[in-house]
Amino acid sequence: MMKGIGTLASCLSACLLAEPARAGWWQDAQDVLSYKVERSRDALSRGRNDLYASGLIWHAPWAYGSERRQNELNEAAWGGGFGRSVVDANGNTHSLFAIASRDSHFKPQYLAGYQWTTYWPLAGQLRGGLGYSVFAFSRDDIGNWFPIPAVVPTATLRYRELELIMTYIPGITQGGNVGYAVVRLSF
């Protein structure tokens, strides 16, 4: 019993001493979120317009059999969307978007969210980028059209105002293990 109380006291002491470190972490998280919200507002109020064209779904061979990929699943996610984006002082892009396209089962799917991307020069005006997207999606087969939140990594290739955006949706119970690509034209 005394050993348990001593362990509890040690844990509580460690938590109390760590409070300033946790407070700093929490403040950093609040600052980052506040910055992202401000850039999103900037994108809406003074950002450039973005048109999206959706077109490719890749189904991972280790998750979907060859016959199913060829006979059942849609590899052409035709669709489109609209968004607004702004470039910050560091050259990072903050985007808000809404896209409607066909899903893997030839049915409509809807996405709306935020994307952050940072870029590096590759050759001339060609840039490579990495980032993430936080969004909600709505599909018939997952959630019965109820909007489901998601966070995915993104990789991009940008040449001037034209950008190829690729992401990977990890495996879940009812799907996933899918690559998805869209093209964005900013104006």
N, C-alpha and C. Protein backbone atom coordinates (compact mmCIF):
# COMPACT_ATOMS: atom_id res chain seq x y z
N MET A 1 0.83 -1.19 0.00
CA MET A 1 0.00 0.00 0.00
C MET A 1 0.87 1.25 0.00
N MET A 2 1.88 1.29 0.89
CA MET A 2 2.76 2.45 0.98
C MET A 2 3.55 2.64 -0.32
N LYS A 3 3.94 1.50 -0.95
CA LYS A 3 4.67 1.59 -2.20
C LYS A 3 3.80 2.25 -3.27
N GLY A 4 2.50 1.89 -3.32
CA GLY A 4 1.57 2.48 -4.27
C GLY A 4 1.38 3.97 -4.03
N ILE A 5 1.29 4.37 -2.75
CA ILE A 5 1.13 5.79 -2.43
C ILE A 5 2.39 6.56 -2.82
N GLY A 6 3.55 5.97 -2.57
CA GLY A 6 4.82 6.61 -2.96
C GLY A 6 4.92 6.78 -4.47
N THR A 7 4.51 5.76 -5.20
CA THR A 7 4.52 5.84 -6.67
C THR A 7 3.56 6.92 -7.15
N LEU A 8 2.37 6.97 -6.56
CA LEU A 8 1.38 7.99 -6.92
C LEU A 8 1.92 9.38 -6.62
N ALA A 9 2.55 9.56 -5.44
CA ALA A 9 3.11 10.85 -5.07
C ALA A 9 4.22 11.26 -6.04
N SER A 10 5.05 10.31 -6.45
CA SER A 10 6.12 10.60 -7.41
C SER A 10 5.54 11.03 -8.75
N CYS A 11 4.50 10.34 -9.20
CA CYS A 11 3.86 10.68 -10.48
C CYS A 11 3.24 12.07 -10.42
N LEU A 12 2.54 12.38 -9.33
CA LEU A 12 1.92 13.70 -9.19
C LEU A 12 2.98 14.79 -9.15
N SER A 13 4.07 14.55 -8.44
CA SER A 13 5.17 15.53 -8.38
C SER A 13 5.75 15.77 -9.76
N ALA A 14 5.95 14.70 -10.51
CA ALA A 14 6.49 14.83 -11.87
C ALA A 14 5.55 15.63 -12.75
N CYS A 15 4.24 15.39 -12.62
CA CYS A 15 3.25 16.13 -13.41
C CYS A 15 3.26 17.61 -13.04
N LEU A 16 3.34 17.91 -11.75
CA LEU A 16 3.35 19.30 -11.31
C LEU A 16 4.60 20.02 -11.79
N LEU A 17 5.74 19.34 -11.73
CA LEU A 17 6.98 19.95 -12.19
C LEU A 17 7.00 20.12 -13.71
N ALA A 18 6.30 19.25 -14.42
CA ALA A 18 6.27 19.31 -15.88
C ALA A 18 5.24 20.31 -16.39
N GLU A 19 4.45 20.89 -15.53
CA GLU A 19 3.39 21.82 -15.95
C GLU A 19 3.90 22.95 -16.84
N PRO A 20 5.01 23.62 -16.50
CA PRO A 20 5.47 24.69 -17.39
C PRO A 20 5.78 24.17 -18.80
N ALA A 21 6.35 22.99 -18.93
CA ALA A 21 6.64 22.43 -20.25
C ALA A 21 5.35 22.13 -20.99
N ARG A 22 4.35 21.59 -20.30
CA ARG A 22 3.07 21.31 -20.94
C ARG A 22 2.39 22.60 -21.34
N ALA A 23 2.46 23.61 -20.49
CA ALA A 23 1.83 24.89 -20.80
C ALA A 23 2.46 25.48 -22.06
N GLY A 24 3.78 25.37 -22.21
CA GLY A 24 4.45 25.87 -23.40
C GLY A 24 4.01 25.13 -24.64
N TRP A 25 3.88 23.82 -24.54
CA TRP A 25 3.42 23.01 -25.67
C TRP A 25 2.00 23.40 -26.05
N TRP A 26 1.15 23.56 -25.06
CA TRP A 26 -0.25 23.91 -25.31
C TRP A 26 -0.34 25.28 -25.97
N GLN A 27 0.45 26.23 -25.50
CA GLN A 27 0.45 27.57 -26.09
C GLN A 27 0.94 27.52 -27.54
N ASP A 28 1.97 26.72 -27.80
CA ASP A 28 2.46 26.56 -29.17
C ASP A 28 1.36 26.01 -30.08
N ALA A 29 0.64 25.01 -29.60
CA ALA A 29 -0.45 24.42 -30.39
C ALA A 29 -1.53 25.46 -30.66
N GLN A 30 -1.87 26.26 -29.66
CA GLN A 30 -2.88 27.31 -29.85
C GLN A 30 -2.40 28.35 -30.86
N ASP A 31 -1.12 28.71 -30.79
CA ASP A 31 -0.56 29.70 -31.72
C ASP A 31 -0.59 29.18 -33.15
N VAL A 32 -0.23 27.92 -33.35
CA VAL A 32 -0.25 27.33 -34.69
C VAL A 32 -1.68 27.31 -35.23
N LEU A 33 -2.62 26.86 -34.42
CA LEU A 33 -4.02 26.81 -34.85
C LEU A 33 -4.53 28.21 -35.18
N SER A 34 -4.21 29.19 -34.35
CA SER A 34 -4.63 30.56 -34.60
C SER A 34 -4.06 31.07 -35.92
N TYR A 35 -2.78 30.76 -36.20
CA TYR A 35 -2.15 31.17 -37.44
C TYR A 35 -2.84 30.53 -38.64
N LYS A 36 -3.17 29.24 -38.54
CA LYS A 36 -3.85 28.54 -39.64
C LYS A 36 -5.23 29.13 -39.89
N VAL A 37 -5.95 29.46 -38.83
CA VAL A 37 -7.28 30.08 -38.98
C VAL A 37 -7.15 31.43 -39.66
N GLU A 38 -6.16 32.24 -39.26
CA GLU A 38 -5.96 33.55 -39.89
C GLU A 38 -5.62 33.41 -41.37
N ARG A 39 -4.76 32.45 -41.73
CA ARG A 39 -4.43 32.25 -43.15
C ARG A 39 -5.65 31.77 -43.92
N SER A 40 -6.50 30.96 -43.30
CA SER A 40 -7.74 30.52 -43.95
C SER A 40 -8.65 31.71 -44.21
N ARG A 41 -8.75 32.60 -43.25
CA ARG A 41 -9.55 33.82 -43.45
C ARG A 41 -8.97 34.67 -44.58
N ASP A 42 -7.63 34.77 -44.61
CA ASP A 42 -6.97 35.50 -45.69
C ASP A 42 -7.29 34.87 -47.04
N ALA A 43 -7.27 33.55 -47.11
CA ALA A 43 -7.57 32.86 -48.37
C ALA A 43 -8.97 33.21 -48.84
N LEU A 44 -9.93 33.22 -47.92
CA LEU A 44 -11.30 33.55 -48.30
C LEU A 44 -11.45 35.00 -48.72
N SER A 45 -10.84 35.91 -47.99
CA SER A 45 -11.08 37.33 -48.23
C SER A 45 -10.22 37.92 -49.35
N ARG A 46 -8.97 37.50 -49.47
CA ARG A 46 -8.09 38.13 -50.46
C ARG A 46 -7.25 37.12 -51.25
N GLY A 47 -7.56 35.84 -51.12
CA GLY A 47 -6.78 34.81 -51.79
C GLY A 47 -7.09 34.70 -53.27
N ARG A 48 -6.30 33.89 -53.94
CA ARG A 48 -6.52 33.62 -55.36
C ARG A 48 -7.57 32.51 -55.49
N ASN A 49 -8.19 32.44 -56.65
CA ASN A 49 -9.17 31.38 -56.93
C ASN A 49 -8.44 30.14 -57.41
N ASP A 50 -8.98 28.98 -57.07
CA ASP A 50 -8.42 27.70 -57.49
C ASP A 50 -9.53 26.85 -58.11
N LEU A 51 -9.25 26.27 -59.27
CA LEU A 51 -10.13 25.27 -59.87
C LEU A 51 -9.45 23.91 -59.71
N TYR A 52 -10.23 22.91 -59.33
CA TYR A 52 -9.71 21.55 -59.12
C TYR A 52 -10.32 20.61 -60.15
N ALA A 53 -9.50 19.73 -60.72
CA ALA A 53 -9.97 18.66 -61.59
C ALA A 53 -9.49 17.35 -60.97
N SER A 54 -10.44 16.49 -60.66
CA SER A 54 -10.14 15.20 -60.05
C SER A 54 -10.10 14.15 -61.14
N GLY A 55 -9.19 13.18 -61.02
CA GLY A 55 -9.12 12.24 -62.11
C GLY A 55 -8.52 10.88 -61.87
N LEU A 56 -7.79 10.67 -60.79
CA LEU A 56 -7.10 9.39 -60.65
C LEU A 56 -7.25 8.83 -59.24
N ILE A 57 -7.62 7.55 -59.18
CA ILE A 57 -7.61 6.79 -57.92
C ILE A 57 -6.73 5.57 -58.18
N TRP A 58 -5.78 5.32 -57.29
CA TRP A 58 -4.92 4.14 -57.38
C TRP A 58 -5.25 3.24 -56.20
N HIS A 59 -5.61 2.00 -56.48
CA HIS A 59 -5.93 1.02 -55.43
C HIS A 59 -4.71 0.13 -55.21
N ALA A 60 -4.21 0.10 -53.98
CA ALA A 60 -2.99 -0.65 -53.66
C ALA A 60 -3.17 -2.13 -53.97
N PRO A 61 -2.25 -2.73 -54.73
CA PRO A 61 -2.37 -4.14 -55.09
C PRO A 61 -2.36 -5.08 -53.89
N TRP A 62 -1.71 -4.71 -52.78
CA TRP A 62 -1.69 -5.57 -51.60
C TRP A 62 -3.01 -5.55 -50.84
N ALA A 63 -3.88 -4.59 -51.15
CA ALA A 63 -5.16 -4.49 -50.44
C ALA A 63 -6.35 -4.91 -51.30
N TYR A 64 -6.17 -4.87 -52.62
CA TYR A 64 -7.26 -5.20 -53.54
C TYR A 64 -6.73 -6.17 -54.58
N GLY A 65 -7.40 -7.28 -54.78
CA GLY A 65 -7.00 -8.27 -55.76
C GLY A 65 -7.07 -7.72 -57.18
N SER A 66 -6.30 -8.32 -58.07
CA SER A 66 -6.23 -7.88 -59.46
C SER A 66 -7.60 -7.90 -60.14
N GLU A 67 -8.35 -8.98 -59.93
CA GLU A 67 -9.67 -9.09 -60.55
C GLU A 67 -10.61 -7.99 -60.05
N ARG A 68 -10.58 -7.74 -58.77
CA ARG A 68 -11.45 -6.70 -58.20
C ARG A 68 -11.06 -5.32 -58.73
N ARG A 69 -9.75 -5.05 -58.81
CA ARG A 69 -9.30 -3.75 -59.32
C ARG A 69 -9.74 -3.55 -60.77
N GLN A 70 -9.69 -4.62 -61.57
CA GLN A 70 -10.03 -4.50 -62.98
C GLN A 70 -11.53 -4.48 -63.24
N ASN A 71 -12.31 -5.24 -62.45
CA ASN A 71 -13.73 -5.42 -62.76
C ASN A 71 -14.70 -4.62 -61.89
N GLU A 72 -14.29 -4.25 -60.69
CA GLU A 72 -15.23 -3.62 -59.76
C GLU A 72 -14.91 -2.17 -59.42
N LEU A 73 -13.63 -1.83 -59.38
CA LEU A 73 -13.24 -0.53 -58.82
C LEU A 73 -12.97 0.51 -59.89
N ASN A 74 -13.38 1.72 -59.61
CA ASN A 74 -13.19 2.86 -60.49
C ASN A 74 -11.81 3.45 -60.28
N GLU A 75 -11.04 3.59 -61.34
CA GLU A 75 -9.72 4.21 -61.25
C GLU A 75 -9.76 5.65 -61.76
N ALA A 76 -10.91 6.07 -62.29
CA ALA A 76 -11.05 7.43 -62.83
C ALA A 76 -12.06 8.21 -61.98
N ALA A 77 -11.54 8.98 -61.06
CA ALA A 77 -12.39 9.74 -60.12
C ALA A 77 -12.75 11.09 -60.71
N TRP A 78 -13.43 11.08 -61.86
CA TRP A 78 -13.73 12.34 -62.54
C TRP A 78 -14.59 13.23 -61.66
N GLY A 79 -14.22 14.48 -61.63
CA GLY A 79 -14.96 15.46 -60.85
C GLY A 79 -14.23 16.79 -60.86
N GLY A 80 -14.72 17.70 -60.04
CA GLY A 80 -14.10 19.02 -59.99
C GLY A 80 -14.45 19.74 -58.72
N GLY A 81 -13.85 20.90 -58.59
CA GLY A 81 -14.11 21.68 -57.39
C GLY A 81 -13.59 23.09 -57.50
N PHE A 82 -13.79 23.81 -56.42
CA PHE A 82 -13.37 25.21 -56.34
C PHE A 82 -12.74 25.45 -54.98
N GLY A 83 -11.80 26.37 -54.95
CA GLY A 83 -11.17 26.73 -53.68
C GLY A 83 -10.57 28.11 -53.74
N ARG A 84 -9.99 28.48 -52.62
CA ARG A 84 -9.27 29.75 -52.50
C ARG A 84 -7.99 29.46 -51.73
N SER A 85 -6.91 30.15 -52.10
CA SER A 85 -5.65 29.92 -51.40
C SER A 85 -4.85 31.21 -51.30
N VAL A 86 -3.95 31.20 -50.33
CA VAL A 86 -3.08 32.35 -50.10
C VAL A 86 -1.68 31.82 -49.78
N VAL A 87 -0.67 32.57 -50.20
CA VAL A 87 0.72 32.22 -49.92
C VAL A 87 1.20 33.12 -48.79
N ASP A 88 1.77 32.53 -47.74
CA ASP A 88 2.22 33.34 -46.60
C ASP A 88 3.64 33.87 -46.83
N ALA A 89 4.16 34.59 -45.85
CA ALA A 89 5.48 35.22 -45.96
C ALA A 89 6.61 34.21 -46.14
N ASN A 90 6.40 32.96 -45.73
CA ASN A 90 7.41 31.91 -45.87
C ASN A 90 7.31 31.16 -47.19
N GLY A 91 6.34 31.52 -48.03
CA GLY A 91 6.14 30.83 -49.30
C GLY A 91 5.27 29.59 -49.21
N ASN A 92 4.68 29.34 -48.05
CA ASN A 92 3.78 28.20 -47.87
C ASN A 92 2.38 28.56 -48.34
N THR A 93 1.67 27.59 -48.89
CA THR A 93 0.32 27.82 -49.39
C THR A 93 -0.70 27.26 -48.41
N HIS A 94 -1.71 28.08 -48.13
CA HIS A 94 -2.84 27.70 -47.28
C HIS A 94 -4.07 27.72 -48.17
N SER A 95 -4.78 26.60 -48.29
CA SER A 95 -5.89 26.48 -49.22
C SER A 95 -7.15 25.98 -48.53
N LEU A 96 -8.28 26.49 -48.97
CA LEU A 96 -9.59 25.96 -48.61
C LEU A 96 -10.20 25.44 -49.89
N PHE A 97 -10.87 24.28 -49.83
CA PHE A 97 -11.37 23.67 -51.06
C PHE A 97 -12.66 22.89 -50.83
N ALA A 98 -13.39 22.70 -51.92
CA ALA A 98 -14.55 21.80 -51.96
C ALA A 98 -14.49 21.07 -53.30
N ILE A 99 -14.59 19.74 -53.26
CA ILE A 99 -14.47 18.92 -54.47
C ILE A 99 -15.59 17.88 -54.47
N ALA A 100 -16.18 17.67 -55.63
CA ALA A 100 -17.14 16.58 -55.83
C ALA A 100 -16.59 15.69 -56.95
N SER A 101 -16.59 14.38 -56.72
CA SER A 101 -16.07 13.46 -57.74
C SER A 101 -16.71 12.09 -57.58
N ARG A 102 -16.36 11.19 -58.50
CA ARG A 102 -16.82 9.80 -58.38
C ARG A 102 -15.85 9.05 -57.48
N ASP A 103 -16.39 8.15 -56.64
CA ASP A 103 -15.53 7.37 -55.75
C ASP A 103 -15.12 6.06 -56.42
N SER A 104 -14.52 5.19 -55.66
CA SER A 104 -14.04 3.90 -56.17
C SER A 104 -15.17 3.00 -56.66
N HIS A 105 -16.40 3.28 -56.26
CA HIS A 105 -17.54 2.44 -56.63
C HIS A 105 -18.47 3.17 -57.61
N PHE A 106 -17.94 4.17 -58.30
CA PHE A 106 -18.65 4.92 -59.33
C PHE A 106 -19.79 5.77 -58.76
N LYS A 107 -19.78 6.05 -57.48
CA LYS A 107 -20.81 6.87 -56.84
C LYS A 107 -20.20 8.22 -56.46
N PRO A 108 -21.05 9.23 -56.22
CA PRO A 108 -20.51 10.54 -55.85
C PRO A 108 -19.86 10.54 -54.47
N GLN A 109 -18.83 11.37 -54.34
CA GLN A 109 -18.24 11.64 -53.03
C GLN A 109 -17.95 13.14 -52.97
N TYR A 110 -17.98 13.69 -51.77
CA TYR A 110 -17.81 15.12 -51.57
C TYR A 110 -16.73 15.35 -50.51
N LEU A 111 -15.85 16.31 -50.76
CA LEU A 111 -14.78 16.66 -49.83
C LEU A 111 -14.77 18.17 -49.64
N ALA A 112 -14.48 18.62 -48.44
CA ALA A 112 -14.28 20.04 -48.18
C ALA A 112 -13.27 20.16 -47.05
N GLY A 113 -12.29 21.06 -47.21
CA GLY A 113 -11.30 21.15 -46.16
C GLY A 113 -10.23 22.20 -46.38
N TYR A 114 -9.12 22.00 -45.67
CA TYR A 114 -7.97 22.90 -45.62
C TYR A 114 -6.73 22.10 -46.02
N GLN A 115 -5.85 22.75 -46.79
CA GLN A 115 -4.57 22.12 -47.14
C GLN A 115 -3.44 23.11 -46.90
N TRP A 116 -2.36 22.61 -46.32
CA TRP A 116 -1.14 23.40 -46.12
C TRP A 116 -0.02 22.71 -46.89
N THR A 117 0.77 23.51 -47.63
CA THR A 117 1.88 22.95 -48.39
C THR A 117 3.09 23.87 -48.31
N THR A 118 4.26 23.29 -48.14
CA THR A 118 5.52 24.02 -48.23
C THR A 118 6.27 23.48 -49.45
N TYR A 119 7.08 24.33 -50.09
CA TYR A 119 7.69 23.99 -51.38
C TYR A 119 9.20 24.13 -51.37
N TRP A 120 9.84 23.37 -52.30
CA TRP A 120 11.27 23.47 -52.56
C TRP A 120 11.47 23.56 -54.06
N PRO A 121 12.47 24.34 -54.51
CA PRO A 121 12.75 24.41 -55.95
C PRO A 121 13.33 23.08 -56.45
N LEU A 122 12.87 22.66 -57.64
CA LEU A 122 13.40 21.44 -58.26
C LEU A 122 14.21 21.78 -59.50
N ALA A 123 13.59 22.51 -60.44
CA ALA A 123 14.28 22.92 -61.67
C ALA A 123 13.52 24.09 -62.27
N GLY A 124 14.17 25.22 -62.43
CA GLY A 124 13.50 26.39 -62.97
C GLY A 124 12.31 26.77 -62.10
N GLN A 125 11.13 26.84 -62.71
CA GLN A 125 9.93 27.20 -61.96
C GLN A 125 9.17 25.97 -61.43
N LEU A 126 9.73 24.79 -61.61
CA LEU A 126 9.12 23.57 -61.08
C LEU A 126 9.44 23.45 -59.60
N ARG A 127 8.42 23.26 -58.79
CA ARG A 127 8.56 23.14 -57.34
C ARG A 127 7.96 21.82 -56.87
N GLY A 128 8.60 21.22 -55.89
CA GLY A 128 8.05 20.06 -55.21
C GLY A 128 7.53 20.51 -53.86
N GLY A 129 6.46 19.91 -53.40
CA GLY A 129 5.90 20.31 -52.12
C GLY A 129 5.44 19.14 -51.28
N LEU A 130 5.44 19.35 -49.97
CA LEU A 130 4.90 18.39 -49.01
C LEU A 130 4.00 19.14 -48.05
N GLY A 131 2.98 18.45 -47.56
CA GLY A 131 2.08 19.09 -46.62
C GLY A 131 1.06 18.11 -46.09
N TYR A 132 -0.08 18.65 -45.74
CA TYR A 132 -1.17 17.82 -45.23
C TYR A 132 -2.50 18.48 -45.57
N SER A 133 -3.53 17.68 -45.50
CA SER A 133 -4.89 18.16 -45.72
C SER A 133 -5.77 17.68 -44.58
N VAL A 134 -6.57 18.59 -44.05
CA VAL A 134 -7.56 18.29 -43.02
C VAL A 134 -8.91 18.56 -43.67
N PHE A 135 -9.77 17.55 -43.73
CA PHE A 135 -11.02 17.72 -44.47
C PHE A 135 -12.11 16.82 -43.91
N ALA A 136 -13.30 17.03 -44.42
CA ALA A 136 -14.42 16.13 -44.16
C ALA A 136 -14.86 15.57 -45.50
N PHE A 137 -15.19 14.28 -45.52
CA PHE A 137 -15.69 13.68 -46.76
C PHE A 137 -17.03 13.02 -46.48
N SER A 138 -17.80 12.89 -47.55
CA SER A 138 -19.13 12.30 -47.43
C SER A 138 -19.33 11.33 -48.59
N ARG A 139 -19.66 10.07 -48.22
CA ARG A 139 -19.88 9.01 -49.21
C ARG A 139 -21.04 8.14 -48.76
N ASP A 140 -21.63 7.47 -49.73
CA ASP A 140 -22.74 6.56 -49.46
C ASP A 140 -22.30 5.35 -48.65
N ASP A 141 -21.15 4.76 -49.01
CA ASP A 141 -20.73 3.48 -48.41
C ASP A 141 -19.98 3.63 -47.09
N ILE A 142 -19.54 4.82 -46.76
CA ILE A 142 -18.84 5.06 -45.49
C ILE A 142 -19.58 6.17 -44.75
N GLY A 143 -20.29 5.82 -43.72
CA GLY A 143 -20.99 6.81 -42.92
C GLY A 143 -22.36 7.20 -43.44
N ASN A 144 -22.84 6.54 -44.50
CA ASN A 144 -24.18 6.82 -45.04
C ASN A 144 -24.39 8.32 -45.25
N TRP A 145 -23.44 8.97 -45.92
CA TRP A 145 -23.43 10.39 -46.27
C TRP A 145 -23.12 11.32 -45.10
N PHE A 146 -22.91 10.79 -43.90
CA PHE A 146 -22.54 11.65 -42.78
C PHE A 146 -21.10 12.13 -42.99
N PRO A 147 -20.81 13.42 -42.85
CA PRO A 147 -19.44 13.91 -43.05
C PRO A 147 -18.47 13.31 -42.04
N ILE A 148 -17.39 12.73 -42.54
CA ILE A 148 -16.37 12.07 -41.72
C ILE A 148 -15.08 12.89 -41.80
N PRO A 149 -14.49 13.27 -40.67
CA PRO A 149 -13.23 14.03 -40.71
C PRO A 149 -12.04 13.13 -41.03
N ALA A 150 -11.03 13.72 -41.66
CA ALA A 150 -9.81 12.97 -42.00
C ALA A 150 -8.62 13.93 -42.09
N VAL A 151 -7.44 13.37 -41.89
CA VAL A 151 -6.17 14.09 -42.07
C VAL A 151 -5.27 13.18 -42.88
N VAL A 152 -4.73 13.69 -43.99
CA VAL A 152 -3.85 12.89 -44.85
C VAL A 152 -2.63 13.71 -45.27
N PRO A 153 -1.52 13.03 -45.56
CA PRO A 153 -0.34 13.73 -46.09
C PRO A 153 -0.55 14.06 -47.56
N THR A 154 0.12 15.10 -48.04
CA THR A 154 0.05 15.45 -49.46
C THR A 154 1.46 15.66 -50.01
N ALA A 155 1.61 15.38 -51.29
CA ALA A 155 2.84 15.67 -52.04
C ALA A 155 2.41 16.34 -53.33
N THR A 156 3.16 17.36 -53.75
CA THR A 156 2.74 18.12 -54.93
C THR A 156 3.91 18.38 -55.86
N LEU A 157 3.56 18.62 -57.12
CA LEU A 157 4.46 19.17 -58.12
C LEU A 157 3.76 20.40 -58.67
N ARG A 158 4.44 21.56 -58.61
CA ARG A 158 3.82 22.81 -59.06
C ARG A 158 4.69 23.47 -60.11
N TYR A 159 4.05 23.88 -61.20
CA TYR A 159 4.71 24.69 -62.22
C TYR A 159 3.85 25.93 -62.42
N ARG A 160 4.35 27.05 -61.97
CA ARG A 160 3.63 28.32 -61.99
C ARG A 160 2.29 28.18 -61.28
N GLU A 161 1.18 28.32 -62.00
CA GLU A 161 -0.14 28.26 -61.36
C GLU A 161 -0.80 26.88 -61.47
N LEU A 162 -0.11 25.92 -62.04
CA LEU A 162 -0.66 24.57 -62.23
C LEU A 162 0.02 23.61 -61.25
N GLU A 163 -0.78 22.81 -60.55
CA GLU A 163 -0.22 21.95 -59.51
C GLU A 163 -0.90 20.58 -59.51
N LEU A 164 -0.08 19.54 -59.46
CA LEU A 164 -0.56 18.18 -59.27
C LEU A 164 -0.46 17.87 -57.78
N ILE A 165 -1.58 17.53 -57.16
CA ILE A 165 -1.63 17.24 -55.73
C ILE A 165 -1.97 15.76 -55.56
N MET A 166 -1.12 15.05 -54.82
CA MET A 166 -1.33 13.62 -54.60
C MET A 166 -1.40 13.34 -53.11
N THR A 167 -2.22 12.35 -52.75
CA THR A 167 -2.31 11.95 -51.36
C THR A 167 -2.48 10.45 -51.27
N TYR A 168 -2.28 9.93 -50.09
CA TYR A 168 -2.49 8.51 -49.82
C TYR A 168 -3.47 8.39 -48.67
N ILE A 169 -4.54 7.65 -48.88
CA ILE A 169 -5.53 7.40 -47.84
C ILE A 169 -5.21 6.04 -47.23
N PRO A 170 -4.79 6.01 -45.96
CA PRO A 170 -4.41 4.73 -45.35
C PRO A 170 -5.59 3.78 -45.22
N GLY A 171 -5.30 2.51 -45.03
CA GLY A 171 -6.33 1.48 -44.91
C GLY A 171 -7.19 1.65 -43.67
N ILE A 172 -8.49 1.47 -43.86
CA ILE A 172 -9.47 1.46 -42.77
C ILE A 172 -10.33 0.22 -42.94
N THR A 173 -11.26 0.01 -42.04
CA THR A 173 -12.10 -1.19 -42.07
C THR A 173 -12.84 -1.35 -43.40
N GLN A 174 -13.41 -0.27 -43.92
CA GLN A 174 -14.23 -0.37 -45.12
C GLN A 174 -13.53 0.10 -46.39
N GLY A 175 -12.25 0.32 -46.35
CA GLY A 175 -11.58 0.77 -47.56
C GLY A 175 -10.21 1.33 -47.27
N GLY A 176 -9.83 2.31 -48.07
CA GLY A 176 -8.52 2.93 -47.91
C GLY A 176 -7.46 2.20 -48.70
N ASN A 177 -6.20 2.43 -48.36
CA ASN A 177 -5.06 1.95 -49.14
C ASN A 177 -5.21 2.41 -50.59
N VAL A 178 -5.46 3.71 -50.72
CA VAL A 178 -5.78 4.30 -52.01
C VAL A 178 -4.95 5.56 -52.21
N GLY A 179 -4.42 5.73 -53.42
CA GLY A 179 -3.80 6.98 -53.81
C GLY A 179 -4.82 7.80 -54.57
N TYR A 180 -4.80 9.11 -54.39
CA TYR A 180 -5.78 10.00 -55.01
C TYR A 180 -5.05 11.22 -55.53
N ALA A 181 -5.35 11.64 -56.75
CA ALA A 181 -4.67 12.79 -57.34
C ALA A 181 -5.68 13.76 -57.94
N VAL A 182 -5.38 15.05 -57.75
CA VAL A 182 -6.16 16.12 -58.36
C VAL A 182 -5.18 17.13 -58.96
N VAL A 183 -5.68 17.91 -59.89
CA VAL A 183 -4.90 19.01 -60.47
C VAL A 183 -5.56 20.30 -60.03
N ARG A 184 -4.72 21.28 -59.64
CA ARG A 184 -5.24 22.58 -59.23
C ARG A 184 -4.68 23.65 -60.16
N LEU A 185 -5.56 24.51 -60.66
CA LEU A 185 -5.17 25.66 -61.46
C LEU A 185 -5.55 26.90 -60.67
N SER A 186 -4.57 27.72 -60.33
CA SER A 186 -4.81 28.94 -59.55
C SER A 186 -4.84 30.14 -60.49
N PHE A 187 -5.75 31.07 -60.19
CA PHE A 187 -5.84 32.30 -61.00
C PHE A 187 -6.34 33.46 -60.18
